[in-house]
C-alpha cells in the first residue's frame, strides 16, 4: 500500500513537503514545493497545486508504483487535482486522512527543512503548537530583510501582518534565559540590547544583541 501526504502547507515559513511511502517496506521519498510558489501572484494562481502534481508523479516513479497497488492519498486541498488525474489514469486511489507510518516521517522531514532554513529548534519542536504563525513572525521580524523571502507572502495573513511598523530602541536586559532571535545566541543578563516593538494580534517585544 502507498501513502501520499504533505507537511508544512500551514507554516508561514518555507514551502511544502510532499511525501510518498510504501507501507510494507518503509520506502520513503519526498520533495518540496519551493516557497516561491506561495509568493504573491503565484499563490493566487494556485501554482503550488500544479507543482504538487509534478512532485507526486515524480515520487511515484521513483518508488516504481504500479496501478495494482492501493494508494491512500491525503484528502486535503493540496491534492485536489492529482487525485482525479490518477484515478482517470487507472490508479487505485482512496482519499483518506493519512496517519502512520507516513505521518511521522513527513513531519520529521519538514521539521529538518525548517531547521535548515534557520528556524530555532524550540520553534519547530518541543512546543504544543510548533510553527505557529505569530511565533514565526517574531523570528522573521528579528531579521526582516533576510527572512521575509522565506515566507508565504501570498497569504492574506502575511498581507495583514507582514509589513508592520517596527519601533527600534535600546535598553539593558537584566532578565535571564533570553536568546537573540537574529543570531540565535544567548543574551547575557545586564547586556545592552536592541529592542524591537510591534503590534500584530497582540503587542510584541523582541530583544537582540546590541550589535546584531
N, C-alpha and C. Protein backbone atom coordinates (compact mmCIF):
# COMPACT_ATOMS: atom_id res chain seq x y z
N UNK A 1 0.84 -1.19 0.00
CA UNK A 1 0.00 0.00 0.00
C UNK A 1 0.88 1.25 0.00
N UNK A 2 0.46 2.26 -0.76
CA UNK A 2 1.17 3.53 -0.86
C UNK A 2 0.40 4.61 -0.10
N UNK A 3 1.13 5.45 0.63
CA UNK A 3 0.54 6.62 1.28
C UNK A 3 1.16 7.89 0.69
N UNK A 4 0.33 8.92 0.51
CA UNK A 4 0.79 10.21 0.00
C UNK A 4 0.24 11.31 0.89
N UNK A 5 1.12 12.21 1.33
CA UNK A 5 0.68 13.28 2.24
C UNK A 5 1.58 14.49 2.06
N UNK A 6 1.21 15.59 2.73
CA UNK A 6 2.02 16.81 2.71
C UNK A 6 2.26 17.28 4.13
N UNK A 7 3.28 18.10 4.30
CA UNK A 7 3.58 18.72 5.59
C UNK A 7 4.14 20.11 5.34
N UNK A 8 3.74 21.06 6.17
CA UNK A 8 4.26 22.42 6.06
C UNK A 8 3.41 23.39 5.28
N UNK A 9 2.30 22.92 4.72
CA UNK A 9 1.46 23.85 3.94
C UNK A 9 0.86 24.93 4.83
N UNK A 10 0.76 24.67 6.13
CA UNK A 10 0.22 25.65 7.05
C UNK A 10 1.27 26.47 7.78
N UNK A 11 2.52 26.29 7.40
CA UNK A 11 3.61 27.04 8.03
C UNK A 11 3.91 28.30 7.24
N UNK A 12 4.02 29.43 7.93
CA UNK A 12 4.35 30.69 7.27
C UNK A 12 5.69 30.59 6.54
N UNK A 13 6.63 29.90 7.14
CA UNK A 13 7.97 29.85 6.58
C UNK A 13 8.14 28.62 5.70
N UNK A 14 8.80 28.80 4.57
CA UNK A 14 9.17 27.68 3.71
C UNK A 14 8.05 27.22 2.79
N UNK A 15 8.41 26.23 1.97
CA UNK A 15 7.45 25.64 1.05
C UNK A 15 6.67 24.52 1.71
N UNK A 16 6.35 23.48 0.94
CA UNK A 16 5.57 22.35 1.46
C UNK A 16 6.26 21.05 1.07
N UNK A 17 6.34 20.14 2.04
CA UNK A 17 6.92 18.83 1.78
C UNK A 17 5.84 17.89 1.26
N UNK A 18 6.13 17.21 0.18
CA UNK A 18 5.25 16.17 -0.37
C UNK A 18 5.97 14.84 -0.20
N UNK A 19 5.31 13.87 0.45
CA UNK A 19 5.96 12.60 0.72
C UNK A 19 5.14 11.41 0.26
N UNK A 20 5.84 10.36 -0.15
CA UNK A 20 5.22 9.10 -0.58
C UNK A 20 5.93 7.96 0.13
N UNK A 21 5.15 7.02 0.68
CA UNK A 21 5.74 5.87 1.37
C UNK A 21 5.04 4.58 0.96
N UNK A 22 5.84 3.54 0.78
CA UNK A 22 5.30 2.19 0.60
C UNK A 22 5.30 1.55 1.98
N UNK A 23 4.10 1.33 2.52
CA UNK A 23 3.93 0.93 3.91
C UNK A 23 4.63 -0.38 4.23
N UNK A 24 4.51 -1.36 3.35
CA UNK A 24 5.04 -2.70 3.64
C UNK A 24 6.57 -2.72 3.78
N UNK A 25 7.25 -1.85 3.05
CA UNK A 25 8.72 -1.87 3.06
C UNK A 25 9.34 -0.67 3.77
N UNK A 26 8.54 0.37 4.02
CA UNK A 26 9.08 1.58 4.63
C UNK A 26 9.82 2.48 3.65
N UNK A 27 9.77 2.16 2.35
CA UNK A 27 10.41 3.02 1.35
C UNK A 27 9.75 4.40 1.40
N UNK A 28 10.57 5.44 1.47
CA UNK A 28 10.05 6.80 1.66
C UNK A 28 10.79 7.75 0.73
N UNK A 29 10.05 8.51 -0.01
CA UNK A 29 10.62 9.53 -0.90
C UNK A 29 9.85 10.82 -0.72
N UNK A 30 10.56 11.95 -0.79
CA UNK A 30 9.89 13.24 -0.60
C UNK A 30 10.60 14.32 -1.40
N UNK A 31 9.89 15.41 -1.60
CA UNK A 31 10.43 16.58 -2.27
C UNK A 31 9.64 17.79 -1.77
N UNK A 32 10.09 18.97 -2.13
CA UNK A 32 9.47 20.19 -1.62
C UNK A 32 8.93 21.08 -2.73
N UNK A 33 7.73 21.60 -2.51
CA UNK A 33 7.22 22.70 -3.33
C UNK A 33 7.96 23.94 -2.84
N UNK A 34 8.77 24.60 -3.66
CA UNK A 34 9.53 25.76 -3.19
C UNK A 34 8.61 26.89 -2.72
N UNK A 35 9.11 27.68 -1.79
CA UNK A 35 8.30 28.76 -1.23
C UNK A 35 7.90 29.78 -2.29
N UNK A 36 8.67 29.87 -3.38
CA UNK A 36 8.34 30.83 -4.44
C UNK A 36 6.96 30.59 -5.03
N UNK A 37 6.47 29.36 -4.93
CA UNK A 37 5.15 29.04 -5.46
C UNK A 37 4.03 29.61 -4.56
N UNK A 38 4.43 30.15 -3.41
CA UNK A 38 3.48 30.77 -2.48
C UNK A 38 3.65 32.28 -2.41
N UNK A 39 4.51 32.82 -3.26
CA UNK A 39 4.66 34.27 -3.31
C UNK A 39 3.40 34.90 -3.93
N UNK A 40 3.23 36.19 -3.65
CA UNK A 40 2.08 36.90 -4.21
C UNK A 40 2.11 36.81 -5.73
N UNK A 41 0.99 36.53 -6.32
CA UNK A 41 0.91 36.32 -7.76
C UNK A 41 0.84 34.85 -8.07
N UNK A 42 1.88 34.10 -7.71
CA UNK A 42 1.90 32.65 -7.92
C UNK A 42 0.88 31.97 -7.02
N UNK A 43 0.76 32.46 -5.79
CA UNK A 43 -0.17 31.84 -4.84
C UNK A 43 -1.61 31.97 -5.31
N UNK A 44 -1.98 33.14 -5.77
CA UNK A 44 -3.35 33.37 -6.22
C UNK A 44 -3.71 32.49 -7.42
N UNK A 45 -2.71 32.15 -8.21
CA UNK A 45 -2.93 31.29 -9.38
C UNK A 45 -2.86 29.80 -9.01
N UNK A 46 -2.65 29.51 -7.72
CA UNK A 46 -2.52 28.14 -7.23
C UNK A 46 -1.40 27.38 -7.96
N UNK A 47 -0.30 28.06 -8.16
CA UNK A 47 0.84 27.43 -8.82
C UNK A 47 1.35 26.24 -8.01
N UNK A 48 1.18 26.29 -6.69
CA UNK A 48 1.65 25.20 -5.83
C UNK A 48 0.89 23.90 -6.11
N UNK A 49 -0.35 23.99 -6.58
CA UNK A 49 -1.13 22.78 -6.89
C UNK A 49 -0.53 22.05 -8.08
N UNK A 50 -0.15 22.79 -9.10
CA UNK A 50 0.47 22.17 -10.28
C UNK A 50 1.83 21.59 -9.93
N UNK A 51 2.58 22.29 -9.08
CA UNK A 51 3.88 21.78 -8.65
C UNK A 51 3.70 20.51 -7.83
N UNK A 52 2.65 20.47 -7.02
CA UNK A 52 2.36 19.27 -6.23
C UNK A 52 2.12 18.07 -7.17
N UNK A 53 1.36 18.28 -8.22
CA UNK A 53 1.12 17.22 -9.20
C UNK A 53 2.44 16.69 -9.75
N UNK A 54 3.29 17.60 -10.16
CA UNK A 54 4.58 17.23 -10.74
C UNK A 54 5.40 16.39 -9.76
N UNK A 55 5.42 16.81 -8.51
CA UNK A 55 6.20 16.09 -7.50
C UNK A 55 5.61 14.71 -7.22
N UNK A 56 4.30 14.63 -7.11
CA UNK A 56 3.66 13.33 -6.86
C UNK A 56 4.01 12.33 -7.95
N UNK A 57 3.89 12.73 -9.19
CA UNK A 57 4.22 11.81 -10.30
C UNK A 57 5.70 11.40 -10.24
N UNK A 58 6.56 12.35 -9.91
CA UNK A 58 7.99 12.06 -9.82
C UNK A 58 8.29 11.05 -8.71
N UNK A 59 7.63 11.22 -7.56
CA UNK A 59 7.87 10.32 -6.43
C UNK A 59 7.28 8.93 -6.68
N UNK A 60 6.13 8.87 -7.33
CA UNK A 60 5.54 7.57 -7.67
C UNK A 60 6.47 6.81 -8.62
N UNK A 61 7.06 7.54 -9.55
CA UNK A 61 8.01 6.91 -10.47
C UNK A 61 9.25 6.43 -9.72
N UNK A 62 9.71 7.24 -8.79
CA UNK A 62 10.90 6.89 -8.01
C UNK A 62 10.70 5.60 -7.22
N UNK A 63 9.48 5.38 -6.71
CA UNK A 63 9.19 4.17 -5.93
C UNK A 63 8.62 3.05 -6.80
N UNK A 64 8.59 3.29 -8.10
CA UNK A 64 8.11 2.27 -9.05
C UNK A 64 6.70 1.76 -8.69
N UNK A 65 5.82 2.71 -8.41
CA UNK A 65 4.45 2.37 -8.04
C UNK A 65 3.67 1.98 -9.30
N UNK A 66 2.97 0.85 -9.23
CA UNK A 66 2.16 0.46 -10.38
C UNK A 66 0.67 0.55 -10.03
N UNK A 67 -0.18 0.34 -11.01
CA UNK A 67 -1.61 0.57 -10.87
C UNK A 67 -2.31 -0.52 -10.06
N UNK A 68 -1.60 -1.58 -9.71
CA UNK A 68 -2.19 -2.64 -8.90
C UNK A 68 -2.15 -2.29 -7.40
N UNK A 69 -1.29 -1.34 -7.03
CA UNK A 69 -1.13 -1.00 -5.62
C UNK A 69 -2.21 -0.02 -5.17
N UNK A 70 -2.72 -0.23 -3.99
CA UNK A 70 -3.66 0.73 -3.40
C UNK A 70 -2.88 1.97 -3.00
N UNK A 71 -3.43 3.13 -3.34
CA UNK A 71 -2.79 4.40 -2.99
C UNK A 71 -3.73 5.20 -2.09
N UNK A 72 -3.32 5.38 -0.84
CA UNK A 72 -4.06 6.24 0.08
C UNK A 72 -3.47 7.64 -0.05
N UNK A 73 -4.29 8.60 -0.39
CA UNK A 73 -3.81 9.97 -0.60
C UNK A 73 -4.59 10.94 0.28
N UNK A 74 -3.88 11.89 0.85
CA UNK A 74 -4.49 12.86 1.75
C UNK A 74 -5.70 13.53 1.09
N UNK A 75 -6.75 13.71 1.88
CA UNK A 75 -7.99 14.28 1.35
C UNK A 75 -7.98 15.81 1.32
N UNK A 76 -6.83 16.42 1.65
CA UNK A 76 -6.74 17.88 1.68
C UNK A 76 -6.70 18.52 0.31
N UNK A 77 -6.80 19.85 0.31
CA UNK A 77 -6.87 20.64 -0.94
C UNK A 77 -5.61 20.52 -1.78
N UNK A 78 -4.47 20.22 -1.16
CA UNK A 78 -3.21 20.16 -1.87
C UNK A 78 -3.25 19.16 -3.03
N UNK A 79 -4.02 18.10 -2.84
CA UNK A 79 -4.05 17.02 -3.82
C UNK A 79 -5.36 16.98 -4.61
N UNK A 80 -6.06 18.09 -4.66
CA UNK A 80 -7.40 18.12 -5.24
C UNK A 80 -7.40 17.75 -6.74
N UNK A 81 -6.35 18.10 -7.47
CA UNK A 81 -6.32 17.79 -8.90
C UNK A 81 -5.61 16.48 -9.19
N UNK A 82 -4.55 16.20 -8.46
CA UNK A 82 -3.79 14.99 -8.76
C UNK A 82 -4.57 13.73 -8.41
N UNK A 83 -5.45 13.81 -7.42
CA UNK A 83 -6.31 12.65 -7.11
C UNK A 83 -7.14 12.26 -8.33
N UNK A 84 -7.78 13.26 -8.94
CA UNK A 84 -8.63 12.99 -10.11
C UNK A 84 -7.81 12.47 -11.29
N UNK A 85 -6.64 13.05 -11.49
CA UNK A 85 -5.82 12.62 -12.61
C UNK A 85 -5.35 11.17 -12.44
N UNK A 86 -4.96 10.81 -11.24
CA UNK A 86 -4.50 9.45 -11.01
C UNK A 86 -5.64 8.45 -11.18
N UNK A 87 -6.82 8.82 -10.69
CA UNK A 87 -7.99 7.94 -10.88
C UNK A 87 -8.27 7.76 -12.37
N UNK A 88 -8.23 8.85 -13.11
CA UNK A 88 -8.51 8.81 -14.55
C UNK A 88 -7.52 7.91 -15.28
N UNK A 89 -6.30 7.85 -14.75
CA UNK A 89 -5.26 7.03 -15.38
C UNK A 89 -5.30 5.57 -14.92
N UNK A 90 -6.26 5.25 -14.03
CA UNK A 90 -6.44 3.87 -13.64
C UNK A 90 -5.78 3.45 -12.36
N UNK A 91 -5.25 4.40 -11.59
CA UNK A 91 -4.67 4.07 -10.29
C UNK A 91 -5.78 3.84 -9.27
N UNK A 92 -5.50 2.98 -8.29
CA UNK A 92 -6.46 2.64 -7.23
C UNK A 92 -6.32 3.66 -6.11
N UNK A 93 -7.10 4.75 -6.17
CA UNK A 93 -6.96 5.89 -5.27
C UNK A 93 -8.04 5.85 -4.18
N UNK A 94 -7.60 6.02 -2.92
CA UNK A 94 -8.51 6.15 -1.80
C UNK A 94 -8.16 7.45 -1.07
N UNK A 95 -9.11 8.35 -0.94
CA UNK A 95 -8.90 9.64 -0.28
C UNK A 95 -9.19 9.49 1.21
N UNK A 96 -8.16 9.67 2.05
CA UNK A 96 -8.30 9.46 3.49
C UNK A 96 -7.47 10.49 4.25
N UNK A 97 -7.65 10.49 5.57
CA UNK A 97 -6.76 11.24 6.45
C UNK A 97 -5.56 10.34 6.73
N UNK A 98 -4.39 10.76 6.30
CA UNK A 98 -3.19 9.93 6.41
C UNK A 98 -2.70 9.89 7.86
N UNK A 99 -2.39 8.68 8.32
CA UNK A 99 -1.82 8.50 9.66
C UNK A 99 -0.47 7.85 9.53
N UNK A 100 -0.09 7.01 10.49
CA UNK A 100 1.21 6.36 10.45
C UNK A 100 1.23 5.27 9.38
N UNK A 101 2.40 4.94 8.84
CA UNK A 101 3.73 5.44 9.26
C UNK A 101 4.18 6.72 8.56
N UNK A 102 3.48 7.14 7.51
CA UNK A 102 3.94 8.31 6.75
C UNK A 102 3.88 9.59 7.56
N UNK A 103 2.87 9.73 8.41
CA UNK A 103 2.65 10.99 9.11
C UNK A 103 3.90 11.46 9.85
N UNK A 104 4.51 10.59 10.64
CA UNK A 104 5.70 10.98 11.40
C UNK A 104 6.88 11.23 10.47
N UNK A 105 7.05 10.39 9.47
CA UNK A 105 8.19 10.53 8.57
C UNK A 105 8.16 11.87 7.84
N UNK A 106 7.00 12.27 7.35
CA UNK A 106 6.94 13.51 6.58
C UNK A 106 7.01 14.73 7.49
N UNK A 107 6.47 14.64 8.70
CA UNK A 107 6.59 15.75 9.64
C UNK A 107 8.05 15.95 10.05
N UNK A 108 8.78 14.85 10.24
CA UNK A 108 10.20 14.95 10.56
C UNK A 108 10.99 15.56 9.41
N UNK A 109 10.62 15.21 8.18
CA UNK A 109 11.29 15.77 7.01
C UNK A 109 11.09 17.28 6.94
N UNK A 110 9.86 17.73 7.22
CA UNK A 110 9.61 19.17 7.18
C UNK A 110 10.29 19.89 8.34
N UNK A 111 10.31 19.27 9.51
CA UNK A 111 10.99 19.88 10.65
C UNK A 111 12.47 20.12 10.34
N UNK A 112 13.12 19.12 9.75
CA UNK A 112 14.53 19.28 9.42
C UNK A 112 14.73 20.36 8.38
N UNK A 113 13.83 20.45 7.44
CA UNK A 113 13.86 21.51 6.42
C UNK A 113 13.75 22.88 7.07
N UNK A 114 12.82 23.03 8.02
CA UNK A 114 12.64 24.31 8.71
C UNK A 114 13.88 24.68 9.52
N UNK A 115 14.49 23.68 10.16
CA UNK A 115 15.73 23.93 10.91
C UNK A 115 16.84 24.37 9.97
N UNK A 116 16.91 23.78 8.79
CA UNK A 116 17.93 24.15 7.81
C UNK A 116 17.73 25.57 7.30
N UNK A 117 16.49 26.06 7.34
CA UNK A 117 16.23 27.45 6.96
C UNK A 117 16.69 28.43 8.04
N UNK A 118 17.00 27.89 9.22
CA UNK A 118 17.49 28.73 10.30
C UNK A 118 16.54 28.89 11.47
N UNK A 119 15.34 28.33 11.39
CA UNK A 119 14.37 28.49 12.47
C UNK A 119 14.89 27.79 13.73
N UNK A 120 14.81 28.44 14.89
CA UNK A 120 15.30 27.82 16.13
C UNK A 120 14.55 26.53 16.44
N UNK A 121 15.25 25.59 17.05
CA UNK A 121 14.67 24.27 17.35
C UNK A 121 13.42 24.39 18.21
N UNK A 122 13.40 25.35 19.15
CA UNK A 122 12.24 25.48 20.03
C UNK A 122 11.01 26.00 19.29
N UNK A 123 11.20 26.54 18.09
CA UNK A 123 10.07 26.96 17.28
C UNK A 123 9.49 25.80 16.47
N UNK A 124 10.32 24.79 16.26
CA UNK A 124 9.94 23.66 15.42
C UNK A 124 9.50 22.46 16.25
N UNK A 125 10.16 22.24 17.37
CA UNK A 125 9.88 21.09 18.22
C UNK A 125 9.47 21.59 19.62
N UNK A 126 9.31 20.69 20.51
CA UNK A 126 9.19 20.96 21.94
C UNK A 126 8.03 21.85 22.36
N UNK A 127 7.14 22.21 21.47
CA UNK A 127 6.02 23.07 21.84
C UNK A 127 4.71 22.42 21.42
N UNK A 128 3.65 22.85 22.07
CA UNK A 128 2.33 22.30 21.75
C UNK A 128 1.88 22.71 20.36
N UNK A 129 2.28 23.93 19.95
CA UNK A 129 1.89 24.43 18.64
C UNK A 129 3.14 24.82 17.85
N UNK A 130 3.87 23.82 17.32
CA UNK A 130 5.06 24.15 16.54
C UNK A 130 4.68 24.91 15.27
N UNK A 131 5.59 25.78 14.84
CA UNK A 131 5.40 26.54 13.61
C UNK A 131 4.17 27.45 13.64
N UNK A 132 3.82 27.92 14.83
CA UNK A 132 2.69 28.84 14.99
C UNK A 132 2.97 30.15 14.25
N UNK A 133 1.98 30.67 13.52
CA UNK A 133 2.18 31.83 12.66
C UNK A 133 2.82 33.00 13.39
N UNK A 134 2.26 33.43 14.51
CA UNK A 134 2.75 34.65 15.16
C UNK A 134 4.08 34.43 15.87
N UNK A 135 4.40 33.20 16.23
CA UNK A 135 5.73 32.92 16.76
C UNK A 135 6.77 33.04 15.65
N UNK A 136 6.47 32.45 14.51
CA UNK A 136 7.40 32.54 13.39
C UNK A 136 7.55 33.99 12.94
N UNK A 137 6.46 34.75 12.99
CA UNK A 137 6.50 36.15 12.59
C UNK A 137 7.52 36.92 13.43
N UNK A 138 7.62 36.60 14.71
CA UNK A 138 8.62 37.25 15.58
C UNK A 138 10.03 36.97 15.05
N UNK A 139 10.28 35.72 14.69
CA UNK A 139 11.60 35.35 14.17
C UNK A 139 11.88 36.08 12.86
N UNK A 140 10.87 36.22 12.02
CA UNK A 140 11.03 36.93 10.74
C UNK A 140 11.38 38.39 10.98
N UNK A 141 10.67 39.06 11.89
CA UNK A 141 10.91 40.48 12.13
C UNK A 141 12.26 40.73 12.80
N UNK A 142 12.84 39.70 13.42
CA UNK A 142 14.16 39.86 14.04
C UNK A 142 15.26 40.06 13.01
N UNK A 143 15.02 39.65 11.78
CA UNK A 143 15.99 39.85 10.68
C UNK A 143 15.19 39.94 9.38
N UNK A 144 14.34 40.93 9.31
CA UNK A 144 13.30 41.00 8.28
C UNK A 144 13.85 40.97 6.85
N UNK A 145 14.91 41.74 6.59
CA UNK A 145 15.41 41.85 5.22
C UNK A 145 15.82 40.49 4.64
N UNK A 146 16.36 39.61 5.48
CA UNK A 146 16.82 38.30 5.01
C UNK A 146 15.73 37.24 5.09
N UNK A 147 14.79 37.40 6.02
CA UNK A 147 13.86 36.32 6.30
C UNK A 147 12.49 36.45 5.64
N UNK A 148 12.11 37.63 5.23
CA UNK A 148 10.77 37.75 4.65
C UNK A 148 10.66 36.96 3.35
N UNK A 149 11.78 36.74 2.66
CA UNK A 149 11.74 35.99 1.40
C UNK A 149 11.54 34.48 1.66
N UNK A 150 11.62 34.06 2.90
CA UNK A 150 11.37 32.66 3.24
C UNK A 150 9.89 32.41 3.53
N UNK A 151 9.07 33.46 3.46
CA UNK A 151 7.67 33.37 3.89
C UNK A 151 6.71 33.22 2.70
N UNK A 152 5.55 32.65 3.01
CA UNK A 152 4.47 32.52 2.02
C UNK A 152 3.77 33.87 1.91
N UNK A 153 4.34 34.74 1.10
CA UNK A 153 3.89 36.13 1.08
C UNK A 153 2.60 36.34 0.30
N UNK A 154 2.08 35.29 -0.31
CA UNK A 154 0.78 35.40 -0.97
C UNK A 154 -0.39 35.24 -0.01
N UNK A 155 -0.10 34.79 1.21
CA UNK A 155 -1.16 34.57 2.21
C UNK A 155 -1.83 35.89 2.59
N UNK A 156 -3.12 35.83 2.88
CA UNK A 156 -3.82 37.01 3.39
C UNK A 156 -3.26 37.45 4.74
N UNK A 157 -2.87 36.49 5.56
CA UNK A 157 -2.32 36.82 6.88
C UNK A 157 -0.99 37.56 6.75
N UNK A 158 -0.21 37.24 5.72
CA UNK A 158 1.04 37.98 5.50
C UNK A 158 0.73 39.40 5.05
N UNK A 159 -0.25 39.55 4.18
CA UNK A 159 -0.62 40.89 3.72
C UNK A 159 -1.08 41.75 4.90
N UNK A 160 -1.67 41.11 5.91
CA UNK A 160 -2.15 41.84 7.08
C UNK A 160 -1.03 42.13 8.07
N UNK A 161 -0.15 41.16 8.29
CA UNK A 161 0.85 41.28 9.36
C UNK A 161 2.30 41.35 8.87
N UNK A 162 2.51 41.26 7.57
CA UNK A 162 3.88 41.17 7.08
C UNK A 162 4.59 42.48 6.82
N UNK A 163 3.90 43.61 7.05
CA UNK A 163 4.51 44.92 6.76
C UNK A 163 4.19 45.89 7.90
N UNK A 164 4.38 45.45 9.11
CA UNK A 164 4.02 46.26 10.28
C UNK A 164 5.11 47.29 10.58
N UNK A 165 4.72 48.35 11.26
CA UNK A 165 5.67 49.36 11.72
C UNK A 165 6.45 48.82 12.91
N UNK A 166 7.77 48.94 12.86
CA UNK A 166 8.63 48.43 13.92
C UNK A 166 9.29 49.61 14.64
N UNK A 167 9.13 49.68 15.95
CA UNK A 167 9.81 50.69 16.76
C UNK A 167 11.11 50.08 17.28
N UNK A 168 12.23 50.74 17.02
CA UNK A 168 13.54 50.23 17.44
C UNK A 168 14.12 51.16 18.50
N UNK A 169 14.42 50.60 19.66
CA UNK A 169 15.04 51.36 20.75
C UNK A 169 16.20 50.54 21.32
N UNK A 170 16.86 51.09 22.34
CA UNK A 170 17.94 50.38 23.02
C UNK A 170 17.65 50.33 24.50
N UNK A 171 18.21 49.32 25.16
CA UNK A 171 17.96 49.15 26.59
C UNK A 171 19.03 48.24 27.17
N UNK A 172 18.92 47.96 28.46
CA UNK A 172 19.76 46.96 29.13
C UNK A 172 18.84 45.86 29.61
N UNK A 173 19.15 44.64 29.26
CA UNK A 173 18.29 43.50 29.61
C UNK A 173 18.87 42.79 30.83
N UNK A 174 18.12 42.80 31.93
CA UNK A 174 18.58 42.15 33.16
C UNK A 174 17.97 40.77 33.34
N UNK A 175 16.95 40.46 32.54
CA UNK A 175 16.28 39.16 32.67
C UNK A 175 17.18 38.04 32.13
N UNK A 176 16.92 36.84 32.62
CA UNK A 176 17.69 35.68 32.19
C UNK A 176 16.93 34.86 31.14
N UNK A 177 17.65 33.94 30.53
CA UNK A 177 17.08 32.96 29.60
C UNK A 177 16.47 33.60 28.35
N UNK A 178 17.12 34.64 27.85
CA UNK A 178 16.70 35.24 26.59
C UNK A 178 17.70 34.90 25.50
N UNK A 179 17.19 34.64 24.32
CA UNK A 179 18.02 34.32 23.17
C UNK A 179 17.82 35.39 22.11
N UNK A 180 18.88 35.80 21.47
CA UNK A 180 18.78 36.76 20.38
C UNK A 180 18.15 36.06 19.18
N UNK A 181 17.04 36.58 18.71
CA UNK A 181 16.33 35.94 17.60
C UNK A 181 16.97 36.23 16.25
N UNK A 182 18.04 37.02 16.24
CA UNK A 182 18.74 37.26 14.98
C UNK A 182 19.92 36.30 14.81
N UNK A 183 20.79 36.21 15.83
CA UNK A 183 21.97 35.34 15.70
C UNK A 183 21.76 33.98 16.36
N UNK A 184 20.73 33.86 17.22
CA UNK A 184 20.43 32.59 17.86
C UNK A 184 21.22 32.30 19.12
N UNK A 185 22.05 33.25 19.55
CA UNK A 185 22.87 33.03 20.73
C UNK A 185 22.25 33.68 21.97
N UNK A 186 22.69 33.20 23.14
CA UNK A 186 22.15 33.69 24.41
C UNK A 186 22.49 35.16 24.63
N UNK A 187 21.55 35.88 25.24
CA UNK A 187 21.80 37.26 25.67
C UNK A 187 22.11 37.21 27.17
N UNK A 188 23.29 37.60 27.53
CA UNK A 188 23.68 37.57 28.95
C UNK A 188 22.97 38.67 29.72
N UNK A 189 22.49 38.37 30.93
CA UNK A 189 21.84 39.40 31.76
C UNK A 189 22.77 40.59 31.97
N UNK A 190 22.21 41.79 31.88
CA UNK A 190 22.99 43.01 32.02
C UNK A 190 23.55 43.52 30.71
N UNK A 191 23.22 42.88 29.61
CA UNK A 191 23.74 43.26 28.30
C UNK A 191 22.95 44.43 27.71
N UNK A 192 23.66 45.26 26.95
CA UNK A 192 22.98 46.27 26.14
C UNK A 192 22.30 45.54 24.98
N UNK A 193 21.06 45.89 24.73
CA UNK A 193 20.29 45.19 23.70
C UNK A 193 19.57 46.18 22.79
N UNK A 194 19.25 45.68 21.61
CA UNK A 194 18.38 46.39 20.69
C UNK A 194 16.97 45.84 20.92
N UNK A 195 15.99 46.70 21.00
CA UNK A 195 14.62 46.29 21.30
C UNK A 195 13.71 46.64 20.12
N UNK A 196 13.03 45.62 19.60
CA UNK A 196 12.06 45.83 18.53
C UNK A 196 10.66 45.67 19.10
N UNK A 197 9.80 46.62 18.81
CA UNK A 197 8.42 46.55 19.27
C UNK A 197 7.46 46.71 18.09
N UNK A 198 6.45 45.87 18.06
CA UNK A 198 5.41 45.97 17.04
C UNK A 198 4.15 45.32 17.58
N UNK A 199 3.03 45.59 16.95
CA UNK A 199 1.76 45.01 17.35
C UNK A 199 1.16 44.25 16.17
N UNK A 200 0.94 42.95 16.37
CA UNK A 200 0.25 42.12 15.38
C UNK A 200 -1.11 41.79 15.95
N UNK A 201 -1.31 40.54 16.37
CA UNK A 201 -2.55 40.22 17.08
C UNK A 201 -2.46 40.61 18.55
N UNK A 202 -1.25 41.02 18.97
CA UNK A 202 -1.00 41.50 20.33
C UNK A 202 0.33 42.24 20.31
N UNK A 203 0.65 43.04 21.36
CA UNK A 203 1.95 43.72 21.40
C UNK A 203 3.10 42.70 21.49
N UNK A 204 4.17 42.96 20.76
CA UNK A 204 5.33 42.07 20.76
C UNK A 204 6.60 42.86 21.05
N UNK A 205 7.50 42.25 21.81
CA UNK A 205 8.81 42.82 22.10
C UNK A 205 9.87 41.79 21.77
N UNK A 206 10.86 42.18 20.97
CA UNK A 206 11.95 41.29 20.58
C UNK A 206 13.26 41.91 21.05
N UNK A 207 14.08 41.10 21.73
CA UNK A 207 15.39 41.56 22.18
C UNK A 207 16.47 40.95 21.29
N UNK A 208 17.39 41.81 20.85
CA UNK A 208 18.53 41.36 20.05
C UNK A 208 19.81 41.87 20.69
N UNK A 209 20.92 41.18 20.45
CA UNK A 209 22.21 41.73 20.84
C UNK A 209 22.37 43.12 20.25
N UNK A 210 23.05 43.99 20.97
CA UNK A 210 23.19 45.37 20.55
C UNK A 210 23.82 45.48 19.16
N UNK A 211 24.76 44.59 18.84
CA UNK A 211 25.46 44.65 17.56
C UNK A 211 24.77 43.83 16.47
N UNK A 212 23.71 43.12 16.80
CA UNK A 212 23.01 42.30 15.80
C UNK A 212 22.04 43.14 14.98
